[in-house]
């Protein structure tokens, strides 16, 4: 089994802020390395958000706005979904969730 440090050397190209240049280069091993760099320990709820984001990207070819992720979480968690998103990714949706999910850095949009 490859260690995370080995995987870091095999990472797809990233921009100066650490976001993937090409979201199509993403996979779950890449997500694990990116999460480690953000000090995020990926658990089931993280993966739920990340997979929702990836599915949305696959369908629309753009990163999903945080408000849609919150609506997705609300189906399971109710009104505390907004709070939960920021518990999962404490440094923010764009800074952590988008990066770990392999999105390009969103420029100007709602963060929920």
C-alpha atoms as a PDB file:
ATOM      1  CA  UNK A   1       0.000   0.000   0.000  1.00  0.00           C
ATOM      2  CA  UNK A   2       1.279   3.464  -0.880  1.00  0.00           C
ATOM      3  CA  UNK A   3       1.870   5.871   1.963  1.00  0.00           C
ATOM      4  CA  UNK A   4       0.396   9.430   1.780  1.00  0.00           C
ATOM      5  CA  UNK A   5       3.898  10.876   1.345  1.00  0.00           C
ATOM      6  CA  UNK A   6       4.395   8.607  -1.699  1.00  0.00           C
ATOM      7  CA  UNK A   7       1.068   9.771  -3.091  1.00  0.00           C
ATOM      8  CA  UNK A   8       2.027  13.420  -2.682  1.00  0.00           C
ATOM      9  CA  UNK A   9       4.748  12.946  -5.275  1.00  0.00           C
ATOM     10  CA  UNK A  10       2.187  11.498  -7.701  1.00  0.00           C
ATOM     11  CA  UNK A  11      -0.294  14.343  -7.283  1.00  0.00           C
ATOM     12  CA  UNK A  12      -1.870  15.951 -10.339  1.00  0.00           C
ATOM     13  CA  UNK A  13      -0.776  19.468 -11.215  1.00  0.00           C
ATOM     14  CA  UNK A  14      -2.050  22.141  -8.810  1.00  0.00           C
ATOM     15  CA  UNK A  15      -2.161  25.924  -8.874  1.00  0.00           C
ATOM     16  CA  UNK A  16      -0.261  28.171  -6.464  1.00  0.00           C
ATOM     17  CA  UNK A  17      -3.027  27.783  -3.859  1.00  0.00           C
ATOM     18  CA  UNK A  18      -3.083  23.982  -4.064  1.00  0.00           C
ATOM     19  CA  UNK A  19      -6.259  23.516  -6.145  1.00  0.00           C
ATOM     20  CA  UNK A  20      -6.192  21.005  -8.976  1.00  0.00           C
ATOM     21  CA  UNK A  21      -5.635  22.542 -12.397  1.00  0.00           C
ATOM     22  CA  UNK A  22      -7.804  19.866 -14.010  1.00  0.00           C
ATOM     23  CA  UNK A  23     -10.695  18.531 -11.871  1.00  0.00           C
ATOM     24  CA  UNK A  24     -10.810  15.417 -14.061  1.00  0.00           C
ATOM     25  CA  UNK A  25      -7.480  14.334 -12.546  1.00  0.00           C
ATOM     26  CA  UNK A  26      -9.157  13.874  -9.144  1.00  0.00           C
ATOM     27  CA  UNK A  27      -9.672  10.528  -7.429  1.00  0.00           C
ATOM     28  CA  UNK A  28     -10.198   9.458  -3.826  1.00  0.00           C
ATOM     29  CA  UNK A  29      -6.483   8.941  -3.217  1.00  0.00           C
ATOM     30  CA  UNK A  30      -5.861  12.522  -4.352  1.00  0.00           C
ATOM     31  CA  UNK A  31      -8.629  13.657  -1.970  1.00  0.00           C
ATOM     32  CA  UNK A  32      -6.895  11.924   0.932  1.00  0.00           C
ATOM     33  CA  UNK A  33      -3.623  13.749   0.224  1.00  0.00           C
ATOM     34  CA  UNK A  34      -5.392  17.089  -0.209  1.00  0.00           C
ATOM     35  CA  UNK A  35      -7.319  16.533   3.032  1.00  0.00           C
ATOM     36  CA  UNK A  36      -4.123  15.722   4.872  1.00  0.00           C
ATOM     37  CA  UNK A  37      -2.696  19.033   3.654  1.00  0.00           C
ATOM     38  CA  UNK A  38      -5.757  20.799   5.078  1.00  0.00           C
ATOM     39  CA  UNK A  39      -5.596  18.863   8.373  1.00  0.00           C
ATOM     40  CA  UNK A  40      -8.989  17.293   7.674  1.00  0.00           C
ATOM     41  CA  UNK A  41      -9.536  13.689   8.743  1.00  0.00           C
ATOM     42  CA  UNK A  42     -12.010  12.373   6.163  1.00  0.00           C
ATOM     43  CA  UNK A  43     -14.990  10.575   7.675  1.00  0.00           C
ATOM     44  CA  UNK A  44     -18.315   9.408   6.224  1.00  0.00           C
ATOM     45  CA  UNK A  45     -19.943  12.859   6.312  1.00  0.00           C
ATOM     46  CA  UNK A  46     -16.953  14.393   4.517  1.00  0.00           C
ATOM     47  CA  UNK A  47     -17.154  11.736   1.820  1.00  0.00           C
ATOM     48  CA  UNK A  48     -20.896  12.319   1.459  1.00  0.00           C
ATOM     49  CA  UNK A  49     -20.247  16.003   0.725  1.00  0.00           C
ATOM     50  CA  UNK A  50     -17.284  15.286  -1.542  1.00  0.00           C
ATOM     51  CA  UNK A  51     -19.155  12.671  -3.572  1.00  0.00           C
ATOM     52  CA  UNK A  52     -22.144  14.998  -3.929  1.00  0.00           C
ATOM     53  CA  UNK A  53     -19.783  17.710  -5.176  1.00  0.00           C
ATOM     54  CA  UNK A  54     -18.114  15.341  -7.634  1.00  0.00           C
ATOM     55  CA  UNK A  55     -21.461  14.075  -8.957  1.00  0.00           C
ATOM     56  CA  UNK A  56     -22.614  17.660  -9.471  1.00  0.00           C
ATOM     57  CA  UNK A  57     -19.360  18.501 -11.243  1.00  0.00           C
ATOM     58  CA  UNK A  58     -19.659  15.429 -13.488  1.00  0.00           C
ATOM     59  CA  UNK A  59     -23.170  16.488 -14.500  1.00  0.00           C
ATOM     60  CA  UNK A  60     -22.676  20.270 -14.839  1.00  0.00           C
ATOM     61  CA  UNK A  61     -18.907  20.734 -15.330  1.00  0.00           C
ATOM     62  CA  UNK A  62     -18.816  23.429 -12.620  1.00  0.00           C
ATOM     63  CA  UNK A  63     -18.268  23.388  -8.871  1.00  0.00           C
ATOM     64  CA  UNK A  64     -21.486  23.236  -6.903  1.00  0.00           C
ATOM     65  CA  UNK A  65     -22.394  26.310  -4.882  1.00  0.00           C
ATOM     66  CA  UNK A  66     -22.354  25.778  -1.100  1.00  0.00           C
ATOM     67  CA  UNK A  67     -26.091  26.415  -0.817  1.00  0.00           C
ATOM     68  CA  UNK A  68     -26.768  23.250  -2.875  1.00  0.00           C
ATOM     69  CA  UNK A  69     -24.419  21.249  -0.659  1.00  0.00           C
ATOM     70  CA  UNK A  70     -26.283  22.573   2.377  1.00  0.00           C
ATOM     71  CA  UNK A  71     -29.617  21.510   0.812  1.00  0.00           C
ATOM     72  CA  UNK A  72     -28.108  18.067   0.203  1.00  0.00           C
ATOM     73  CA  UNK A  73     -26.983  17.813   3.838  1.00  0.00           C
ATOM     74  CA  UNK A  74     -30.346  19.101   5.087  1.00  0.00           C
ATOM     75  CA  UNK A  75     -32.050  15.992   3.693  1.00  0.00           C
ATOM     76  CA  UNK A  76     -30.151  14.000   6.339  1.00  0.00           C
ATOM     77  CA  UNK A  77     -29.457  16.548   9.052  1.00  0.00           C
ATOM     78  CA  UNK A  78     -32.284  19.034   8.952  1.00  0.00           C
ATOM     79  CA  UNK A  79     -31.845  22.676   9.795  1.00  0.00           C
ATOM     80  CA  UNK A  80     -28.330  22.230  11.199  1.00  0.00           C
ATOM     81  CA  UNK A  81     -26.890  21.436   7.764  1.00  0.00           C
ATOM     82  CA  UNK A  82     -25.242  24.847   7.352  1.00  0.00           C
ATOM     83  CA  UNK A  83     -23.515  24.468  10.711  1.00  0.00           C
ATOM     84  CA  UNK A  84     -22.487  20.892   9.866  1.00  0.00           C
ATOM     85  CA  UNK A  85     -20.852  21.924   6.579  1.00  0.00           C
ATOM     86  CA  UNK A  86     -18.645  24.369   8.433  1.00  0.00           C
ATOM     87  CA  UNK A  87     -17.897  21.827  11.164  1.00  0.00           C
ATOM     88  CA  UNK A  88     -16.713  19.401   8.492  1.00  0.00           C
ATOM     89  CA  UNK A  89     -14.646  22.054   6.726  1.00  0.00           C
ATOM     90  CA  UNK A  90     -13.802  24.613   9.432  1.00  0.00           C
ATOM     91  CA  UNK A  91     -11.658  26.836   7.219  1.00  0.00           C
ATOM     92  CA  UNK A  92     -14.484  27.202   4.757  1.00  0.00           C
ATOM     93  CA  UNK A  93     -16.260  25.570   1.879  1.00  0.00           C
ATOM     94  CA  UNK A  94     -14.026  27.061  -0.808  1.00  0.00           C
ATOM     95  CA  UNK A  95     -10.753  26.690   1.094  1.00  0.00           C
ATOM     96  CA  UNK A  96     -11.246  23.075   2.100  1.00  0.00           C
ATOM     97  CA  UNK A  97     -14.260  21.314   0.571  1.00  0.00           C
ATOM     98  CA  UNK A  98     -13.672  22.565  -2.969  1.00  0.00           C
ATOM     99  CA  UNK A  99      -9.965  21.855  -2.763  1.00  0.00           C
ATOM    100  CA  UNK A 100     -10.356  18.335  -1.360  1.00  0.00           C
ATOM    101  CA  UNK A 101     -13.090  17.531  -3.907  1.00  0.00           C
ATOM    102  CA  UNK A 102     -10.696  18.482  -6.694  1.00  0.00           C
ATOM    103  CA  UNK A 103     -12.437  21.621  -7.906  1.00  0.00           C
ATOM    104  CA  UNK A 104     -10.664  24.600  -9.404  1.00  0.00           C
ATOM    105  CA  UNK A 105     -10.738  27.526  -6.993  1.00  0.00           C
ATOM    106  CA  UNK A 106     -14.113  29.238  -7.321  1.00  0.00           C
ATOM    107  CA  UNK A 107     -13.630  32.986  -7.749  1.00  0.00           C
ATOM    108  CA  UNK A 108     -16.697  34.894  -6.592  1.00  0.00           C
ATOM    109  CA  UNK A 109     -19.891  33.230  -5.448  1.00  0.00           C
ATOM    110  CA  UNK A 110     -22.074  32.472  -2.475  1.00  0.00           C
ATOM    111  CA  UNK A 111     -20.565  30.355   0.278  1.00  0.00           C
ATOM    112  CA  UNK A 112     -23.964  29.610   1.752  1.00  0.00           C
END
